[in-house]
Amino acid sequence: MAWSRGTSRSIAAKIDLSPVHESLGKTVMKPSLYRQAPSNVDRSTRAGLTLVEMIVVLAIIALVAVLIVPNVIGRPDEARVTVAKTDLKTIASALRIYRLDNGDYPTTAQGLEALVERPTSPPEPRAWATDGYLPEVPVDPWDNAYVYRNEGGRFSLLSFGKDGKEGGEGLDADLTDRTRR
């Protein structure tokens, strides 16, 4: 069948009159109305996902989520411990640089503030870095101040852990930097 005049190609249908059954000696024609895509449309633009494919994709995503989420959700306290250990190393490095510049560590009274702002109490540093040694006074991941003590040419630096009290076990255990010089 030819395309009818005045009929839009997008709604015109091609009638298929193919033989359905020839065993009785006569040909029975079955009309079928299949919409045929215009020849100027690429088949790849009509490609999509079937419902089965979508279900398979969603099942894979659900399986991955079931395997990964429990491992990630239960670890915020462990992450805080790791952050505290990293902070302690960073602060210890800043203290070592302070000592190289000024000949000694800040006093216990000057504390870690001496790494952020130039101390005005004796002994005043002789070559304090213009921009300081840290951008701000550090606090541990549980919002407690790190404990700093100058012990006569050595320092101790620690965090009291989750409970904020000296001693403890597990997440409440004290974290320390054992580097003394």
N, C-alpha and C. Protein backbone atom coordinates (compact mmCIF):
# COMPACT_ATOMS: atom_id res chain seq x y z
N MET A 1 0.84 -1.17 0.00
CA MET A 1 0.00 0.00 0.00
C MET A 1 0.89 1.23 0.00
N ALA A 2 0.55 2.17 -0.78
CA ALA A 2 1.30 3.41 -0.88
C ALA A 2 0.81 4.37 0.19
N TRP A 3 1.65 5.32 0.50
CA TRP A 3 1.25 6.31 1.50
C TRP A 3 0.14 7.16 0.90
N SER A 4 -0.88 7.38 1.68
CA SER A 4 -2.03 8.17 1.20
C SER A 4 -1.68 9.64 1.18
N ARG A 5 -2.25 10.31 0.21
CA ARG A 5 -2.05 11.75 0.16
C ARG A 5 -2.85 12.40 1.28
N GLY A 6 -2.22 13.40 1.88
CA GLY A 6 -2.92 14.13 2.93
C GLY A 6 -2.81 13.47 4.29
N THR A 7 -2.24 12.27 4.35
CA THR A 7 -2.11 11.57 5.62
C THR A 7 -0.67 11.72 6.09
N SER A 8 -0.52 12.07 7.34
CA SER A 8 0.83 12.25 7.88
C SER A 8 1.52 10.91 7.96
N ARG A 9 2.82 10.87 7.66
CA ARG A 9 3.59 9.63 7.72
C ARG A 9 3.64 9.05 9.12
N SER A 10 3.60 9.90 10.14
CA SER A 10 3.75 9.40 11.51
C SER A 10 2.52 8.64 11.98
N ILE A 11 1.36 8.87 11.37
CA ILE A 11 0.19 8.13 11.82
C ILE A 11 -0.33 7.16 10.76
N ALA A 12 0.27 7.16 9.60
CA ALA A 12 -0.16 6.23 8.57
C ALA A 12 0.32 4.83 8.91
N ALA A 13 -0.43 3.83 8.59
CA ALA A 13 -0.07 2.46 8.89
C ALA A 13 0.09 1.68 7.60
N LYS A 14 0.98 0.72 7.62
CA LYS A 14 1.18 -0.14 6.46
C LYS A 14 0.43 -1.43 6.74
N ILE A 15 -0.37 -1.85 5.84
CA ILE A 15 -1.13 -3.08 6.02
C ILE A 15 -0.34 -4.21 5.41
N ASP A 16 -0.09 -5.24 6.22
CA ASP A 16 0.65 -6.42 5.79
C ASP A 16 -0.35 -7.49 5.40
N LEU A 17 -0.37 -7.87 4.15
CA LEU A 17 -1.28 -8.90 3.68
C LEU A 17 -0.51 -10.17 3.33
N SER A 18 0.28 -10.63 4.25
CA SER A 18 1.06 -11.84 4.01
C SER A 18 0.17 -13.06 4.22
N PRO A 19 0.47 -14.19 3.48
CA PRO A 19 -0.36 -15.38 3.65
C PRO A 19 -0.20 -15.96 5.04
N VAL A 20 -1.33 -16.35 5.64
CA VAL A 20 -1.31 -16.90 6.98
C VAL A 20 -1.38 -18.41 6.91
N HIS A 21 -2.25 -18.94 6.07
CA HIS A 21 -2.43 -20.39 6.04
C HIS A 21 -2.75 -20.82 4.61
N GLU A 22 -1.97 -21.70 4.05
CA GLU A 22 -2.20 -22.13 2.68
C GLU A 22 -2.58 -23.60 2.60
N SER A 23 -2.82 -24.26 3.69
CA SER A 23 -3.07 -25.71 3.67
C SER A 23 -4.44 -26.07 3.12
N LEU A 24 -5.38 -25.18 3.07
CA LEU A 24 -6.72 -25.50 2.60
C LEU A 24 -6.89 -25.22 1.11
N GLY A 25 -5.84 -24.86 0.49
CA GLY A 25 -5.91 -24.58 -0.94
C GLY A 25 -6.23 -23.15 -1.25
N LYS A 26 -6.61 -22.46 -0.29
CA LYS A 26 -6.86 -21.05 -0.54
C LYS A 26 -6.01 -20.22 0.42
N THR A 27 -5.71 -19.09 0.02
CA THR A 27 -4.86 -18.22 0.82
C THR A 27 -5.73 -17.32 1.68
N VAL A 28 -5.46 -17.35 2.94
CA VAL A 28 -6.17 -16.47 3.87
C VAL A 28 -5.20 -15.34 4.22
N MET A 29 -5.64 -14.17 4.04
CA MET A 29 -4.80 -13.01 4.31
C MET A 29 -5.18 -12.43 5.67
N LYS A 30 -4.13 -12.16 6.48
CA LYS A 30 -4.36 -11.57 7.79
C LYS A 30 -3.83 -10.15 7.75
N PRO A 31 -4.72 -9.22 7.88
CA PRO A 31 -4.22 -7.85 7.91
C PRO A 31 -3.57 -7.55 9.27
N SER A 32 -2.45 -6.90 9.25
CA SER A 32 -1.81 -6.50 10.51
C SER A 32 -1.44 -5.03 10.39
N LEU A 33 -1.69 -4.35 11.43
CA LEU A 33 -1.41 -2.93 11.43
C LEU A 33 -0.21 -2.67 12.33
N TYR A 34 0.97 -2.68 11.74
CA TYR A 34 2.20 -2.37 12.46
C TYR A 34 2.65 -0.99 12.03
N ARG A 35 2.98 -0.22 12.98
CA ARG A 35 3.49 1.10 12.67
C ARG A 35 4.93 0.97 12.20
N GLN A 36 5.22 1.60 11.17
CA GLN A 36 6.57 1.53 10.63
C GLN A 36 7.24 2.88 10.84
N ALA A 37 8.47 2.83 11.40
CA ALA A 37 9.20 4.06 11.65
C ALA A 37 9.57 4.71 10.34
N PRO A 38 9.52 6.01 10.30
CA PRO A 38 9.96 6.69 9.08
C PRO A 38 11.41 6.35 8.79
N SER A 39 11.75 6.33 7.53
CA SER A 39 13.08 5.89 7.13
C SER A 39 14.17 6.86 7.56
N ASN A 40 13.83 8.10 7.90
CA ASN A 40 14.85 9.07 8.28
C ASN A 40 15.17 9.03 9.79
N VAL A 41 14.55 8.13 10.56
CA VAL A 41 14.82 8.02 11.99
C VAL A 41 15.77 6.86 12.24
N ASP A 42 16.85 7.12 12.94
CA ASP A 42 17.85 6.10 13.26
C ASP A 42 17.30 5.19 14.36
N ARG A 43 17.50 3.88 14.24
CA ARG A 43 16.97 2.92 15.22
C ARG A 43 17.63 3.11 16.59
N SER A 44 18.86 3.58 16.62
CA SER A 44 19.53 3.73 17.91
C SER A 44 18.89 4.82 18.76
N THR A 45 18.21 5.78 18.13
CA THR A 45 17.55 6.82 18.91
C THR A 45 16.31 6.30 19.59
N ARG A 46 15.78 5.18 19.13
CA ARG A 46 14.59 4.61 19.74
C ARG A 46 14.94 3.54 20.76
N ALA A 47 16.23 3.22 20.90
CA ALA A 47 16.64 2.17 21.83
C ALA A 47 16.43 2.64 23.26
N GLY A 48 16.08 1.71 24.14
CA GLY A 48 15.85 2.02 25.55
C GLY A 48 16.03 0.78 26.38
N LEU A 49 15.78 0.91 27.67
CA LEU A 49 15.90 -0.24 28.57
C LEU A 49 14.54 -0.87 28.77
N THR A 50 14.53 -2.17 28.79
CA THR A 50 13.28 -2.88 29.06
C THR A 50 13.07 -2.95 30.56
N LEU A 51 11.91 -3.32 30.97
CA LEU A 51 11.59 -3.44 32.40
C LEU A 51 12.48 -4.48 33.07
N VAL A 52 12.75 -5.57 32.39
CA VAL A 52 13.62 -6.61 32.96
C VAL A 52 15.03 -6.08 33.17
N GLU A 53 15.54 -5.35 32.21
CA GLU A 53 16.88 -4.77 32.36
C GLU A 53 16.92 -3.79 33.53
N MET A 54 15.89 -2.99 33.69
CA MET A 54 15.83 -2.06 34.81
C MET A 54 15.80 -2.80 36.15
N ILE A 55 15.06 -3.88 36.24
CA ILE A 55 14.99 -4.66 37.48
C ILE A 55 16.35 -5.27 37.80
N VAL A 56 17.05 -5.77 36.78
CA VAL A 56 18.38 -6.34 37.00
C VAL A 56 19.35 -5.28 37.52
N VAL A 57 19.33 -4.10 36.92
CA VAL A 57 20.20 -3.01 37.36
C VAL A 57 19.89 -2.62 38.80
N LEU A 58 18.63 -2.48 39.12
CA LEU A 58 18.24 -2.13 40.50
C LEU A 58 18.64 -3.22 41.49
N ALA A 59 18.53 -4.47 41.10
CA ALA A 59 18.94 -5.57 41.98
C ALA A 59 20.44 -5.53 42.25
N ILE A 60 21.24 -5.23 41.23
CA ILE A 60 22.70 -5.12 41.41
C ILE A 60 23.03 -3.96 42.33
N ILE A 61 22.38 -2.82 42.15
CA ILE A 61 22.63 -1.66 43.02
C ILE A 61 22.24 -1.99 44.46
N ALA A 62 21.12 -2.66 44.66
CA ALA A 62 20.69 -3.04 46.01
C ALA A 62 21.69 -4.00 46.65
N LEU A 63 22.21 -4.94 45.88
CA LEU A 63 23.18 -5.90 46.41
C LEU A 63 24.47 -5.19 46.83
N VAL A 64 24.95 -4.28 46.02
CA VAL A 64 26.16 -3.53 46.37
C VAL A 64 25.91 -2.69 47.63
N ALA A 65 24.75 -2.06 47.72
CA ALA A 65 24.43 -1.25 48.89
C ALA A 65 24.38 -2.10 50.15
N VAL A 66 23.81 -3.29 50.07
CA VAL A 66 23.73 -4.17 51.23
C VAL A 66 25.12 -4.60 51.69
N LEU A 67 26.03 -4.77 50.77
CA LEU A 67 27.38 -5.19 51.13
C LEU A 67 28.25 -4.04 51.66
N ILE A 68 28.07 -2.83 51.15
CA ILE A 68 28.96 -1.73 51.50
C ILE A 68 28.45 -0.87 52.65
N VAL A 69 27.19 -0.54 52.68
CA VAL A 69 26.66 0.40 53.67
C VAL A 69 26.95 0.00 55.11
N PRO A 70 26.75 -1.25 55.53
CA PRO A 70 27.05 -1.59 56.93
C PRO A 70 28.51 -1.38 57.30
N ASN A 71 29.42 -1.56 56.35
CA ASN A 71 30.84 -1.35 56.63
C ASN A 71 31.19 0.12 56.79
N VAL A 72 30.44 1.00 56.15
CA VAL A 72 30.75 2.42 56.19
C VAL A 72 30.03 3.11 57.35
N ILE A 73 28.80 2.74 57.62
CA ILE A 73 28.00 3.43 58.63
C ILE A 73 28.54 3.23 60.03
N GLY A 74 29.05 2.08 60.38
CA GLY A 74 29.49 1.81 61.73
C GLY A 74 30.87 2.32 62.07
N ARG A 75 31.47 3.17 61.28
CA ARG A 75 32.86 3.56 61.49
C ARG A 75 33.13 5.04 61.75
N PRO A 76 32.18 5.85 62.15
CA PRO A 76 32.53 7.26 62.36
C PRO A 76 33.47 7.45 63.55
N ASP A 77 33.35 6.64 64.60
CA ASP A 77 34.25 6.79 65.74
C ASP A 77 35.67 6.38 65.39
N GLU A 78 35.80 5.33 64.57
CA GLU A 78 37.13 4.92 64.12
C GLU A 78 37.76 6.01 63.25
N ALA A 79 36.94 6.68 62.47
CA ALA A 79 37.44 7.77 61.63
C ALA A 79 37.93 8.92 62.50
N ARG A 80 37.22 9.20 63.60
CA ARG A 80 37.65 10.27 64.50
C ARG A 80 38.99 9.95 65.14
N VAL A 81 39.19 8.69 65.50
CA VAL A 81 40.48 8.28 66.07
C VAL A 81 41.59 8.51 65.06
N THR A 82 41.34 8.16 63.81
CA THR A 82 42.34 8.36 62.75
C THR A 82 42.63 9.85 62.56
N VAL A 83 41.60 10.68 62.59
CA VAL A 83 41.79 12.12 62.45
C VAL A 83 42.62 12.65 63.62
N ALA A 84 42.32 12.18 64.83
CA ALA A 84 43.09 12.64 66.00
C ALA A 84 44.56 12.25 65.88
N LYS A 85 44.83 11.03 65.44
CA LYS A 85 46.23 10.60 65.28
C LYS A 85 46.95 11.45 64.24
N THR A 86 46.26 11.76 63.15
CA THR A 86 46.85 12.60 62.12
C THR A 86 47.10 14.01 62.65
N ASP A 87 46.12 14.55 63.40
CA ASP A 87 46.30 15.87 64.00
C ASP A 87 47.51 15.90 64.93
N LEU A 88 47.66 14.86 65.74
CA LEU A 88 48.79 14.81 66.67
C LEU A 88 50.12 14.84 65.93
N LYS A 89 50.21 14.14 64.82
CA LYS A 89 51.44 14.16 64.02
C LYS A 89 51.68 15.54 63.41
N THR A 90 50.62 16.18 62.95
CA THR A 90 50.75 17.52 62.36
C THR A 90 51.20 18.54 63.41
N ILE A 91 50.58 18.46 64.58
CA ILE A 91 50.95 19.38 65.66
C ILE A 91 52.40 19.14 66.09
N ALA A 92 52.80 17.87 66.21
CA ALA A 92 54.18 17.54 66.59
C ALA A 92 55.17 18.08 65.56
N SER A 93 54.82 18.01 64.30
CA SER A 93 55.70 18.56 63.25
C SER A 93 55.81 20.08 63.38
N ALA A 94 54.68 20.73 63.65
CA ALA A 94 54.70 22.18 63.83
C ALA A 94 55.54 22.56 65.05
N LEU A 95 55.46 21.75 66.12
CA LEU A 95 56.27 22.01 67.32
C LEU A 95 57.76 21.85 67.01
N ARG A 96 58.13 20.87 66.21
CA ARG A 96 59.53 20.67 65.84
C ARG A 96 60.06 21.85 65.02
N ILE A 97 59.25 22.35 64.12
CA ILE A 97 59.66 23.51 63.31
C ILE A 97 59.79 24.74 64.21
N TYR A 98 58.87 24.90 65.15
CA TYR A 98 58.95 26.00 66.12
C TYR A 98 60.28 25.93 66.87
N ARG A 99 60.65 24.73 67.29
CA ARG A 99 61.91 24.54 68.03
C ARG A 99 63.12 24.88 67.15
N LEU A 100 63.08 24.46 65.88
CA LEU A 100 64.19 24.79 64.96
C LEU A 100 64.33 26.30 64.78
N ASP A 101 63.21 26.99 64.69
CA ASP A 101 63.24 28.45 64.49
C ASP A 101 63.65 29.20 65.76
N ASN A 102 63.20 28.70 66.92
CA ASN A 102 63.32 29.49 68.15
C ASN A 102 64.21 28.88 69.23
N GLY A 103 64.76 27.71 69.01
CA GLY A 103 65.69 27.12 69.97
C GLY A 103 65.06 26.23 71.01
N ASP A 104 63.76 26.33 71.26
CA ASP A 104 63.09 25.49 72.25
C ASP A 104 61.60 25.42 71.92
N TYR A 105 60.92 24.47 72.54
CA TYR A 105 59.47 24.34 72.37
C TYR A 105 58.77 25.44 73.16
N PRO A 106 57.52 25.76 72.83
CA PRO A 106 56.78 26.72 73.65
C PRO A 106 56.63 26.18 75.08
N THR A 107 56.51 27.07 76.04
CA THR A 107 56.31 26.62 77.42
C THR A 107 54.90 26.06 77.55
N THR A 108 54.66 25.36 78.65
CA THR A 108 53.33 24.81 78.90
C THR A 108 52.33 25.95 79.01
N ALA A 109 52.72 27.05 79.65
CA ALA A 109 51.84 28.21 79.79
C ALA A 109 51.50 28.83 78.43
N GLN A 110 52.46 28.88 77.52
CA GLN A 110 52.20 29.42 76.19
C GLN A 110 51.30 28.49 75.40
N GLY A 111 51.46 27.20 75.62
CA GLY A 111 50.60 26.19 75.00
C GLY A 111 50.66 26.17 73.48
N LEU A 112 49.67 25.54 72.91
CA LEU A 112 49.61 25.41 71.45
C LEU A 112 49.24 26.73 70.78
N GLU A 113 48.76 27.70 71.56
CA GLU A 113 48.46 29.02 71.00
C GLU A 113 49.73 29.65 70.43
N ALA A 114 50.89 29.25 70.94
CA ALA A 114 52.17 29.79 70.45
C ALA A 114 52.43 29.40 69.00
N LEU A 115 51.74 28.39 68.51
CA LEU A 115 51.89 27.97 67.12
C LEU A 115 51.02 28.80 66.18
N VAL A 116 50.04 29.52 66.75
CA VAL A 116 49.11 30.31 65.95
C VAL A 116 49.44 31.80 66.03
N GLU A 117 49.70 32.30 67.26
CA GLU A 117 50.03 33.71 67.46
C GLU A 117 51.35 33.82 68.21
N ARG A 118 52.10 34.83 67.88
CA ARG A 118 53.41 35.05 68.51
C ARG A 118 53.23 35.24 70.02
N PRO A 119 53.90 34.42 70.84
CA PRO A 119 53.79 34.57 72.29
C PRO A 119 54.38 35.90 72.76
N THR A 120 53.71 36.51 73.74
CA THR A 120 54.21 37.76 74.31
C THR A 120 54.78 37.54 75.71
N SER A 121 54.54 36.37 76.28
CA SER A 121 55.09 36.06 77.61
C SER A 121 56.47 35.42 77.45
N PRO A 122 57.35 35.60 78.44
CA PRO A 122 58.70 35.05 78.33
C PRO A 122 58.68 33.52 78.37
N PRO A 123 59.55 32.88 77.73
CA PRO A 123 60.55 33.41 76.79
C PRO A 123 59.92 33.68 75.43
N GLU A 124 60.11 34.88 74.96
CA GLU A 124 59.56 35.24 73.65
C GLU A 124 60.41 34.60 72.56
N PRO A 125 59.77 34.11 71.50
CA PRO A 125 60.53 33.48 70.41
C PRO A 125 61.36 34.51 69.67
N ARG A 126 62.55 34.12 69.26
CA ARG A 126 63.44 35.06 68.57
C ARG A 126 63.23 35.10 67.06
N ALA A 127 62.70 34.03 66.50
CA ALA A 127 62.50 33.99 65.03
C ALA A 127 61.16 33.33 64.70
N TRP A 128 60.11 33.85 65.29
CA TRP A 128 58.78 33.28 65.07
C TRP A 128 58.36 33.49 63.63
N ALA A 129 57.77 32.46 63.01
CA ALA A 129 57.35 32.54 61.60
C ALA A 129 56.24 33.57 61.43
N THR A 130 56.34 34.36 60.38
CA THR A 130 55.39 35.45 60.12
C THR A 130 53.95 34.97 60.06
N ASP A 131 53.72 33.85 59.39
CA ASP A 131 52.37 33.33 59.24
C ASP A 131 52.00 32.32 60.32
N GLY A 132 52.87 32.10 61.28
CA GLY A 132 52.58 31.12 62.32
C GLY A 132 52.93 29.72 61.85
N TYR A 133 52.63 28.78 62.70
CA TYR A 133 52.97 27.38 62.41
C TYR A 133 51.72 26.54 62.16
N LEU A 134 50.59 27.03 62.63
CA LEU A 134 49.29 26.40 62.38
C LEU A 134 48.28 27.51 62.10
N PRO A 135 47.26 27.25 61.30
CA PRO A 135 46.28 28.30 61.00
C PRO A 135 45.37 28.65 62.18
N GLU A 136 45.11 27.68 63.06
CA GLU A 136 44.26 27.92 64.23
C GLU A 136 44.63 26.95 65.33
N VAL A 137 44.19 27.26 66.54
CA VAL A 137 44.46 26.37 67.67
C VAL A 137 43.65 25.09 67.45
N PRO A 138 44.31 23.96 67.40
CA PRO A 138 43.61 22.73 67.08
C PRO A 138 42.79 22.19 68.25
N VAL A 139 41.66 21.55 67.90
CA VAL A 139 40.86 20.79 68.86
C VAL A 139 40.70 19.39 68.29
N ASP A 140 40.51 18.42 69.17
CA ASP A 140 40.38 17.04 68.68
C ASP A 140 39.00 16.82 68.05
N PRO A 141 38.78 15.70 67.41
CA PRO A 141 37.51 15.45 66.71
C PRO A 141 36.29 15.42 67.63
N TRP A 142 36.50 15.36 68.95
CA TRP A 142 35.41 15.36 69.92
C TRP A 142 35.23 16.74 70.53
N ASP A 143 35.83 17.76 69.89
CA ASP A 143 35.76 19.17 70.29
C ASP A 143 36.38 19.45 71.65
N ASN A 144 37.40 18.71 72.02
CA ASN A 144 38.18 18.98 73.23
C ASN A 144 39.55 19.48 72.80
N ALA A 145 40.15 20.31 73.64
CA ALA A 145 41.48 20.83 73.33
C ALA A 145 42.51 19.71 73.46
N TYR A 146 43.51 19.74 72.59
CA TYR A 146 44.64 18.83 72.74
C TYR A 146 45.45 19.30 73.95
N VAL A 147 46.00 18.36 74.67
CA VAL A 147 46.79 18.68 75.86
C VAL A 147 48.25 18.73 75.46
N TYR A 148 48.90 19.88 75.80
CA TYR A 148 50.32 20.08 75.49
C TYR A 148 51.05 20.40 76.79
N ARG A 149 52.18 19.73 76.97
CA ARG A 149 53.03 20.01 78.13
C ARG A 149 54.49 20.05 77.67
N ASN A 150 55.20 21.11 78.08
CA ASN A 150 56.63 21.20 77.82
C ASN A 150 57.30 20.64 79.06
N GLU A 151 58.09 19.60 78.88
CA GLU A 151 58.71 18.91 80.02
C GLU A 151 60.23 19.07 79.96
N GLY A 152 60.71 20.30 79.94
CA GLY A 152 62.15 20.57 79.94
C GLY A 152 62.87 20.06 78.72
N GLY A 153 62.58 20.61 77.57
CA GLY A 153 63.24 20.20 76.34
C GLY A 153 62.54 19.06 75.62
N ARG A 154 61.52 18.54 76.21
CA ARG A 154 60.70 17.50 75.59
C ARG A 154 59.25 17.95 75.70
N PHE A 155 58.40 17.37 74.89
CA PHE A 155 56.99 17.73 75.00
C PHE A 155 56.14 16.48 75.02
N SER A 156 54.97 16.62 75.60
CA SER A 156 53.97 15.56 75.50
C SER A 156 52.73 16.20 74.89
N LEU A 157 52.10 15.46 74.05
CA LEU A 157 50.95 15.94 73.30
C LEU A 157 49.94 14.81 73.28
N LEU A 158 48.70 15.10 73.70
CA LEU A 158 47.72 14.02 73.72
C LEU A 158 46.30 14.52 73.60
N SER A 159 45.42 13.57 73.27
CA SER A 159 43.98 13.78 73.26
C SER A 159 43.40 12.76 74.23
N PHE A 160 42.43 13.17 75.02
CA PHE A 160 41.85 12.26 75.99
C PHE A 160 40.79 11.34 75.38
N GLY A 161 40.60 11.39 74.10
CA GLY A 161 39.67 10.47 73.43
C GLY A 161 38.23 10.93 73.52
N LYS A 162 37.32 10.03 73.27
CA LYS A 162 35.91 10.35 73.16
C LYS A 162 35.32 10.90 74.46
N ASP A 163 35.72 10.36 75.59
CA ASP A 163 35.13 10.80 76.86
C ASP A 163 35.72 12.10 77.38
N GLY A 164 36.86 12.54 76.83
CA GLY A 164 37.47 13.79 77.25
C GLY A 164 38.13 13.74 78.62
N LYS A 165 38.28 12.53 79.16
CA LYS A 165 38.90 12.36 80.48
C LYS A 165 40.16 11.52 80.34
N GLU A 166 41.10 11.76 81.24
CA GLU A 166 42.35 11.00 81.21
C GLU A 166 42.07 9.53 81.47
N GLY A 167 42.80 8.67 80.75
CA GLY A 167 42.62 7.23 80.89
C GLY A 167 41.48 6.75 80.01
N GLY A 168 41.09 5.52 80.21
CA GLY A 168 39.99 4.96 79.44
C GLY A 168 40.45 3.86 78.51
N GLU A 169 39.46 3.17 77.96
CA GLU A 169 39.73 2.07 77.03
C GLU A 169 38.91 2.25 75.77
N GLY A 170 39.33 1.57 74.73
CA GLY A 170 38.61 1.63 73.46
C GLY A 170 38.62 3.03 72.89
N LEU A 171 37.42 3.56 72.56
CA LEU A 171 37.31 4.91 72.00
C LEU A 171 37.61 5.98 73.04
N ASP A 172 37.52 5.64 74.33
CA ASP A 172 37.82 6.59 75.40
C ASP A 172 39.30 6.63 75.75
N ALA A 173 40.11 5.79 75.14
CA ALA A 173 41.55 5.72 75.45
C ALA A 173 42.24 7.00 75.00
N ASP A 174 43.28 7.36 75.74
CA ASP A 174 44.08 8.54 75.41
C ASP A 174 44.93 8.25 74.17
N LEU A 175 45.02 9.24 73.32
CA LEU A 175 45.85 9.16 72.12
C LEU A 175 47.02 10.10 72.33
N THR A 176 48.21 9.64 72.02
CA THR A 176 49.40 10.46 72.27
C THR A 176 50.39 10.36 71.13
N ASP A 177 51.20 11.41 71.05
CA ASP A 177 52.32 11.39 70.11
C ASP A 177 53.56 11.09 70.95
N ARG A 178 54.20 9.99 70.72
CA ARG A 178 55.33 9.57 71.56
C ARG A 178 56.66 10.20 71.17
N THR A 179 56.68 11.00 70.13
CA THR A 179 57.91 11.67 69.73
C THR A 179 58.26 12.73 70.75
N ARG A 180 59.43 12.68 71.33
CA ARG A 180 59.79 13.61 72.40
C ARG A 180 60.73 14.70 71.94
N ARG A 181 61.54 14.49 70.93
CA ARG A 181 62.52 15.51 70.53
C ARG A 181 62.35 15.91 69.12
